Amino acid sequence: MGKRASMELKKFLSSRYSTDDFEDFIRERFYGLEIQDNSYTDAYLREKESIEEYRYLGKSELDDGKEIGFF
């Protein structure tokens, strides 16, 4: 990772959260990622983890063939 990329990462991680910025950030770095608009609620997560709702954004295949999911 070059100096410019690491500075962009530092700026991104230290800035206030924005869904649009997060989507742009991962879309620029993970080839083939198509953002989906799927929101879910889960009674177990709500009860055990205090998560009211989550959103599945999509997945991307890595160079080694493994997939990474974005929520």
PDB file of N, CA and C in Angstrom:
ATOM      1  N   MET A   1       0.862  -1.172   0.000  1.00  0.00           N
ATOM      2  CA  MET A   1       0.000   0.000   0.000  1.00  0.00           C
ATOM      3  C   MET A   1       0.901   1.225   0.000  1.00  0.00           C
ATOM      4  N   GLY A   2       0.704   2.122  -0.956  1.00  0.00           N
ATOM      5  CA  GLY A   2       1.513   3.320  -1.060  1.00  0.00           C
ATOM      6  C   GLY A   2       1.146   4.355  -0.015  1.00  0.00           C
ATOM      7  N   LYS A   3       1.996   5.382   0.059  1.00  0.00           N
ATOM      8  CA  LYS A   3       1.773   6.438   1.045  1.00  0.00           C
ATOM      9  C   LYS A   3       0.434   7.131   0.821  1.00  0.00           C
ATOM     10  N   ARG A   4       0.073   7.400  -0.431  1.00  0.00           N
ATOM     11  CA  ARG A   4      -1.190   8.070  -0.732  1.00  0.00           C
ATOM     12  C   ARG A   4      -2.376   7.222  -0.291  1.00  0.00           C
ATOM     13  N   ALA A   5      -2.321   5.929  -0.603  1.00  0.00           N
ATOM     14  CA  ALA A   5      -3.420   5.031  -0.230  1.00  0.00           C
ATOM     15  C   ALA A   5      -3.568   4.943   1.276  1.00  0.00           C
ATOM     16  N   SER A   6      -2.431   4.882   2.000  1.00  0.00           N
ATOM     17  CA  SER A   6      -2.521   4.785   3.455  1.00  0.00           C
ATOM     18  C   SER A   6      -3.062   6.078   4.052  1.00  0.00           C
ATOM     19  N   MET A   7      -2.747   7.225   3.454  1.00  0.00           N
ATOM     20  CA  MET A   7      -3.301   8.483   3.941  1.00  0.00           C
ATOM     21  C   MET A   7      -4.799   8.530   3.685  1.00  0.00           C
ATOM     22  N   GLU A   8      -5.234   8.034   2.540  1.00  0.00           N
ATOM     23  CA  GLU A   8      -6.664   7.991   2.264  1.00  0.00           C
ATOM     24  C   GLU A   8      -7.370   7.098   3.277  1.00  0.00           C
ATOM     25  N   LEU A   9      -6.749   5.981   3.618  1.00  0.00           N
ATOM     26  CA  LEU A   9      -7.328   5.072   4.602  1.00  0.00           C
ATOM     27  C   LEU A   9      -7.409   5.760   5.963  1.00  0.00           C
ATOM     28  N   LYS A  10      -6.334   6.430   6.353  1.00  0.00           N
ATOM     29  CA  LYS A  10      -6.321   7.128   7.644  1.00  0.00           C
ATOM     30  C   LYS A  10      -7.416   8.193   7.682  1.00  0.00           C
ATOM     31  N   LYS A  11      -7.547   8.956   6.611  1.00  0.00           N
ATOM     32  CA  LYS A  11      -8.580   9.989   6.547  1.00  0.00           C
ATOM     33  C   LYS A  11      -9.970   9.352   6.616  1.00  0.00           C
ATOM     34  N   PHE A  12     -10.161   8.270   5.867  1.00  0.00           N
ATOM     35  CA  PHE A  12     -11.452   7.583   5.854  1.00  0.00           C
ATOM     36  C   PHE A  12     -11.812   7.073   7.247  1.00  0.00           C
ATOM     37  N   LEU A  13     -10.867   6.419   7.901  1.00  0.00           N
ATOM     38  CA  LEU A  13     -11.136   5.830   9.210  1.00  0.00           C
ATOM     39  C   LEU A  13     -11.330   6.870  10.305  1.00  0.00           C
ATOM     40  N   SER A  14     -10.773   8.053  10.120  1.00  0.00           N
ATOM     41  CA  SER A  14     -10.898   9.082  11.158  1.00  0.00           C
ATOM     42  C   SER A  14     -12.056  10.044  10.898  1.00  0.00           C
ATOM     43  N   SER A  15     -12.715   9.893   9.754  1.00  0.00           N
ATOM     44  CA  SER A  15     -13.830  10.793   9.441  1.00  0.00           C
ATOM     45  C   SER A  15     -15.145  10.228   9.973  1.00  0.00           C
ATOM     46  N   ARG A  16     -16.133  11.087  10.065  1.00  0.00           N
ATOM     47  CA  ARG A  16     -17.462  10.682  10.514  1.00  0.00           C
ATOM     48  C   ARG A  16     -18.059   9.678   9.521  1.00  0.00           C
ATOM     49  N   TYR A  17     -18.769   8.670  10.027  1.00  0.00           N
ATOM     50  CA  TYR A  17     -19.326   7.630   9.165  1.00  0.00           C
ATOM     51  C   TYR A  17     -20.384   8.190   8.218  1.00  0.00           C
ATOM     52  N   SER A  18     -20.282   7.747   6.981  1.00  0.00           N
ATOM     53  CA  SER A  18     -21.262   8.056   5.956  1.00  0.00           C
ATOM     54  C   SER A  18     -21.452   6.795   5.118  1.00  0.00           C
ATOM     55  N   THR A  19     -22.678   6.350   4.960  1.00  0.00           N
ATOM     56  CA  THR A  19     -22.944   5.162   4.161  1.00  0.00           C
ATOM     57  C   THR A  19     -22.433   5.344   2.743  1.00  0.00           C
ATOM     58  N   ASP A  20     -22.674   6.498   2.148  1.00  0.00           N
ATOM     59  CA  ASP A  20     -22.210   6.757   0.781  1.00  0.00           C
ATOM     60  C   ASP A  20     -20.695   6.677   0.687  1.00  0.00           C
ATOM     61  N   ASP A  21     -19.984   7.284   1.656  1.00  0.00           N
ATOM     62  CA  ASP A  21     -18.519   7.247   1.647  1.00  0.00           C
ATOM     63  C   ASP A  21     -18.012   5.815   1.825  1.00  0.00           C
ATOM     64  N   PHE A  22     -18.659   5.045   2.720  1.00  0.00           N
ATOM     65  CA  PHE A  22     -18.255   3.656   2.930  1.00  0.00           C
ATOM     66  C   PHE A  22     -18.438   2.844   1.652  1.00  0.00           C
ATOM     67  N   GLU A  23     -19.566   2.995   1.000  1.00  0.00           N
ATOM     68  CA  GLU A  23     -19.815   2.275  -0.247  1.00  0.00           C
ATOM     69  C   GLU A  23     -18.789   2.656  -1.306  1.00  0.00           C
ATOM     70  N   ASP A  24     -18.505   3.943  -1.452  1.00  0.00           N
ATOM     71  CA  ASP A  24     -17.496   4.380  -2.424  1.00  0.00           C
ATOM     72  C   ASP A  24     -16.129   3.799  -2.087  1.00  0.00           C
ATOM     73  N   PHE A  25     -15.770   3.821  -0.808  1.00  0.00           N
ATOM     74  CA  PHE A  25     -14.474   3.324  -0.351  1.00  0.00           C
ATOM     75  C   PHE A  25     -14.285   1.853  -0.706  1.00  0.00           C
ATOM     76  N   ILE A  26     -15.269   1.019  -0.395  1.00  0.00           N
ATOM     77  CA  ILE A  26     -15.094  -0.412  -0.684  1.00  0.00           C
ATOM     78  C   ILE A  26     -15.248  -0.706  -2.170  1.00  0.00           C
ATOM     79  N   ARG A  27     -16.090   0.031  -2.859  1.00  0.00           N
ATOM     80  CA  ARG A  27     -16.261  -0.184  -4.302  1.00  0.00           C
ATOM     81  C   ARG A  27     -14.958   0.115  -5.051  1.00  0.00           C
ATOM     82  N   GLU A  28     -14.210   1.130  -4.609  1.00  0.00           N
ATOM     83  CA  GLU A  28     -12.944   1.494  -5.256  1.00  0.00           C
ATOM     84  C   GLU A  28     -11.860   0.452  -5.016  1.00  0.00           C
ATOM     85  N   ARG A  29     -11.958  -0.309  -3.937  1.00  0.00           N
ATOM     86  CA  ARG A  29     -10.893  -1.214  -3.553  1.00  0.00           C
ATOM     87  C   ARG A  29     -11.170  -2.686  -3.841  1.00  0.00           C
ATOM     88  N   PHE A  30     -12.399  -3.040  -4.094  1.00  0.00           N
ATOM     89  CA  PHE A  30     -12.740  -4.439  -4.306  1.00  0.00           C
ATOM     90  C   PHE A  30     -13.429  -4.593  -5.653  1.00  0.00           C
ATOM     91  N   TYR A  31     -12.699  -5.167  -6.597  1.00  0.00           N
ATOM     92  CA  TYR A  31     -13.164  -5.349  -7.957  1.00  0.00           C
ATOM     93  C   TYR A  31     -14.419  -6.215  -7.994  1.00  0.00           C
ATOM     94  N   GLY A  32     -15.365  -5.802  -8.777  1.00  0.00           N
ATOM     95  CA  GLY A  32     -16.558  -6.600  -9.011  1.00  0.00           C
ATOM     96  C   GLY A  32     -17.649  -6.440  -7.969  1.00  0.00           C
ATOM     97  N   LEU A  33     -17.430  -5.584  -6.989  1.00  0.00           N
ATOM     98  CA  LEU A  33     -18.438  -5.388  -5.953  1.00  0.00           C
ATOM     99  C   LEU A  33     -19.586  -4.561  -6.505  1.00  0.00           C
ATOM    100  N   GLU A  34     -20.760  -5.130  -6.454  1.00  0.00           N
ATOM    101  CA  GLU A  34     -21.960  -4.407  -6.837  1.00  0.00           C
ATOM    102  C   GLU A  34     -22.790  -4.230  -5.577  1.00  0.00           C
ATOM    103  N   ILE A  35     -22.989  -2.996  -5.180  1.00  0.00           N
ATOM    104  CA  ILE A  35     -23.712  -2.703  -3.953  1.00  0.00           C
ATOM    105  C   ILE A  35     -25.162  -3.152  -4.099  1.00  0.00           C
ATOM    106  N   GLN A  36     -25.625  -3.896  -3.105  1.00  0.00           N
ATOM    107  CA  GLN A  36     -27.006  -4.344  -3.057  1.00  0.00           C
ATOM    108  C   GLN A  36     -27.728  -3.566  -1.965  1.00  0.00           C
ATOM    109  N   ASP A  37     -29.008  -3.540  -2.028  1.00  0.00           N
ATOM    110  CA  ASP A  37     -29.784  -2.819  -1.017  1.00  0.00           C
ATOM    111  C   ASP A  37     -30.676  -3.809  -0.283  1.00  0.00           C
ATOM    112  N   ASN A  38     -30.053  -4.602   0.596  1.00  0.00           N
ATOM    113  CA  ASN A  38     -30.781  -5.615   1.351  1.00  0.00           C
ATOM    114  C   ASN A  38     -30.642  -5.337   2.837  1.00  0.00           C
ATOM    115  N   SER A  39     -31.708  -4.939   3.482  1.00  0.00           N
ATOM    116  CA  SER A  39     -31.696  -4.706   4.924  1.00  0.00           C
ATOM    117  C   SER A  39     -32.382  -5.862   5.620  1.00  0.00           C
ATOM    118  N   TYR A  40     -31.881  -6.194   6.810  1.00  0.00           N
ATOM    119  CA  TYR A  40     -32.414  -7.321   7.567  1.00  0.00           C
ATOM    120  C   TYR A  40     -32.592  -6.946   9.030  1.00  0.00           C
ATOM    121  N   THR A  41     -33.522  -7.600   9.674  1.00  0.00           N
ATOM    122  CA  THR A  41     -33.624  -7.548  11.123  1.00  0.00           C
ATOM    123  C   THR A  41     -33.507  -8.987  11.604  1.00  0.00           C
ATOM    124  N   ASP A  42     -32.962  -9.163  12.774  1.00  0.00           N
ATOM    125  CA  ASP A  42     -32.730 -10.500  13.297  1.00  0.00           C
ATOM    126  C   ASP A  42     -32.990 -10.471  14.796  1.00  0.00           C
ATOM    127  N   ALA A  43     -33.987 -11.215  15.249  1.00  0.00           N
ATOM    128  CA  ALA A  43     -34.369 -11.202  16.665  1.00  0.00           C
ATOM    129  C   ALA A  43     -33.208 -11.622  17.557  1.00  0.00           C
ATOM    130  N   TYR A  44     -32.419 -12.611  17.135  1.00  0.00           N
ATOM    131  CA  TYR A  44     -31.292 -13.071  17.943  1.00  0.00           C
ATOM    132  C   TYR A  44     -30.256 -11.956  18.115  1.00  0.00           C
ATOM    133  N   LEU A  45     -29.874 -11.314  17.023  1.00  0.00           N
ATOM    134  CA  LEU A  45     -28.892 -10.235  17.112  1.00  0.00           C
ATOM    135  C   LEU A  45     -29.420  -9.068  17.936  1.00  0.00           C
ATOM    136  N   ARG A  46     -30.670  -8.774  17.782  1.00  0.00           N
ATOM    137  CA  ARG A  46     -31.269  -7.675  18.542  1.00  0.00           C
ATOM    138  C   ARG A  46     -31.209  -7.977  20.036  1.00  0.00           C
ATOM    139  N   GLU A  47     -31.502  -9.211  20.390  1.00  0.00           N
ATOM    140  CA  GLU A  47     -31.523  -9.591  21.803  1.00  0.00           C
ATOM    141  C   GLU A  47     -30.117  -9.741  22.379  1.00  0.00           C
ATOM    142  N   LYS A  48     -29.231 -10.412  21.670  1.00  0.00           N
ATOM    143  CA  LYS A  48     -27.904 -10.741  22.198  1.00  0.00           C
ATOM    144  C   LYS A  48     -26.851  -9.668  21.945  1.00  0.00           C
ATOM    145  N   GLU A  49     -26.946  -8.976  20.846  1.00  0.00           N
ATOM    146  CA  GLU A  49     -25.892  -8.047  20.450  1.00  0.00           C
ATOM    147  C   GLU A  49     -26.349  -6.597  20.360  1.00  0.00           C
ATOM    148  N   SER A  50     -27.601  -6.330  20.666  1.00  0.00           N
ATOM    149  CA  SER A  50     -28.164  -4.977  20.589  1.00  0.00           C
ATOM    150  C   SER A  50     -28.066  -4.377  19.188  1.00  0.00           C
ATOM    151  N   ILE A  51     -28.171  -5.226  18.174  1.00  0.00           N
ATOM    152  CA  ILE A  51     -28.166  -4.768  16.782  1.00  0.00           C
ATOM    153  C   ILE A  51     -29.612  -4.749  16.314  1.00  0.00           C
ATOM    154  N   GLU A  52     -30.109  -3.582  15.995  1.00  0.00           N
ATOM    155  CA  GLU A  52     -31.498  -3.434  15.576  1.00  0.00           C
ATOM    156  C   GLU A  52     -31.724  -3.895  14.134  1.00  0.00           C
ATOM    157  N   GLU A  53     -30.772  -3.562  13.264  1.00  0.00           N
ATOM    158  CA  GLU A  53     -30.924  -3.850  11.842  1.00  0.00           C
ATOM    159  C   GLU A  53     -29.538  -3.862  11.222  1.00  0.00           C
ATOM    160  N   TYR A  54     -29.350  -4.657  10.179  1.00  0.00           N
ATOM    161  CA  TYR A  54     -28.098  -4.607   9.438  1.00  0.00           C
ATOM    162  C   TYR A  54     -28.396  -4.672   7.952  1.00  0.00           C
ATOM    163  N   ARG A  55     -27.414  -4.306   7.182  1.00  0.00           N
ATOM    164  CA  ARG A  55     -27.577  -4.218   5.736  1.00  0.00           C
ATOM    165  C   ARG A  55     -26.462  -4.997   5.062  1.00  0.00           C
ATOM    166  N   TYR A  56     -26.819  -5.898   4.184  1.00  0.00           N
ATOM    167  CA  TYR A  56     -25.846  -6.630   3.383  1.00  0.00           C
ATOM    168  C   TYR A  56     -25.579  -5.806   2.135  1.00  0.00           C
ATOM    169  N   LEU A  57     -24.313  -5.415   1.943  1.00  0.00           N
ATOM    170  CA  LEU A  57     -23.965  -4.570   0.805  1.00  0.00           C
ATOM    171  C   LEU A  57     -23.537  -5.370  -0.411  1.00  0.00           C
ATOM    172  N   GLY A  58     -22.978  -6.535  -0.190  1.00  0.00           N
ATOM    173  CA  GLY A  58     -22.528  -7.348  -1.308  1.00  0.00           C
ATOM    174  C   GLY A  58     -21.268  -8.106  -0.951  1.00  0.00           C
ATOM    175  N   LYS A  59     -20.685  -8.768  -1.950  1.00  0.00           N
ATOM    176  CA  LYS A  59     -19.468  -9.546  -1.730  1.00  0.00           C
ATOM    177  C   LYS A  59     -18.541  -9.371  -2.916  1.00  0.00           C
ATOM    178  N   SER A  60     -17.285  -9.688  -2.688  1.00  0.00           N
ATOM    179  CA  SER A  60     -16.282  -9.596  -3.732  1.00  0.00           C
ATOM    180  C   SER A  60     -15.354 -10.794  -3.605  1.00  0.00           C
ATOM    181  N   GLU A  61     -14.921 -11.338  -4.723  1.00  0.00           N
ATOM    182  CA  GLU A  61     -13.987 -12.451  -4.698  1.00  0.00           C
ATOM    183  C   GLU A  61     -12.567 -11.909  -4.662  1.00  0.00           C
ATOM    184  N   LEU A  62     -11.771 -12.433  -3.748  1.00  0.00           N
ATOM    185  CA  LEU A  62     -10.378 -12.015  -3.608  1.00  0.00           C
ATOM    186  C   LEU A  62      -9.504 -12.787  -4.590  1.00  0.00           C
ATOM    187  N   ASP A  63      -8.252 -12.357  -4.729  1.00  0.00           N
ATOM    188  CA  ASP A  63      -7.334 -12.994  -5.674  1.00  0.00           C
ATOM    189  C   ASP A  63      -7.125 -14.476  -5.386  1.00  0.00           C
ATOM    190  N   ASP A  64      -7.245 -14.882  -4.121  1.00  0.00           N
ATOM    191  CA  ASP A  64      -7.034 -16.285  -3.770  1.00  0.00           C
ATOM    192  C   ASP A  64      -8.304 -17.132  -3.901  1.00  0.00           C
ATOM    193  N   GLY A  65      -9.365 -16.542  -4.440  1.00  0.00           N
ATOM    194  CA  GLY A  65     -10.598 -17.265  -4.668  1.00  0.00           C
ATOM    195  C   GLY A  65     -11.579 -17.199  -3.517  1.00  0.00           C
ATOM    196  N   LYS A  66     -11.148 -16.687  -2.370  1.00  0.00           N
ATOM    197  CA  LYS A  66     -12.042 -16.548  -1.227  1.00  0.00           C
ATOM    198  C   LYS A  66     -12.931 -15.328  -1.440  1.00  0.00           C
ATOM    199  N   GLU A  67     -14.055 -15.318  -0.766  1.00  0.00           N
ATOM    200  CA  GLU A  67     -14.974 -14.190  -0.886  1.00  0.00           C
ATOM    201  C   GLU A  67     -14.997 -13.420   0.418  1.00  0.00           C
ATOM    202  N   ILE A  68     -15.210 -12.117   0.293  1.00  0.00           N
ATOM    203  CA  ILE A  68     -15.370 -11.256   1.458  1.00  0.00           C
ATOM    204  C   ILE A  68     -16.727 -10.575   1.336  1.00  0.00           C
ATOM    205  N   GLY A  69     -17.465 -10.589   2.418  1.00  0.00           N
ATOM    206  CA  GLY A  69     -18.786  -9.970   2.436  1.00  0.00           C
ATOM    207  C   GLY A  69     -18.741  -8.645   3.162  1.00  0.00           C
ATOM    208  N   PHE A  70     -19.575  -7.733   2.748  1.00  0.00           N
ATOM    209  CA  PHE A  70     -19.642  -6.407   3.364  1.00  0.00           C
ATOM    210  C   PHE A  70     -21.029  -6.191   3.911  1.00  0.00           C
ATOM    211  N   PHE A  71     -21.064  -5.851   5.198  1.00  0.00           N
ATOM    212  CA  PHE A  71     -22.319  -5.628   5.912  1.00  0.00           C
ATOM    213  C   PHE A  71     -22.336  -4.246   6.506  1.00  0.00           C
TER     214      PHE A  71
END
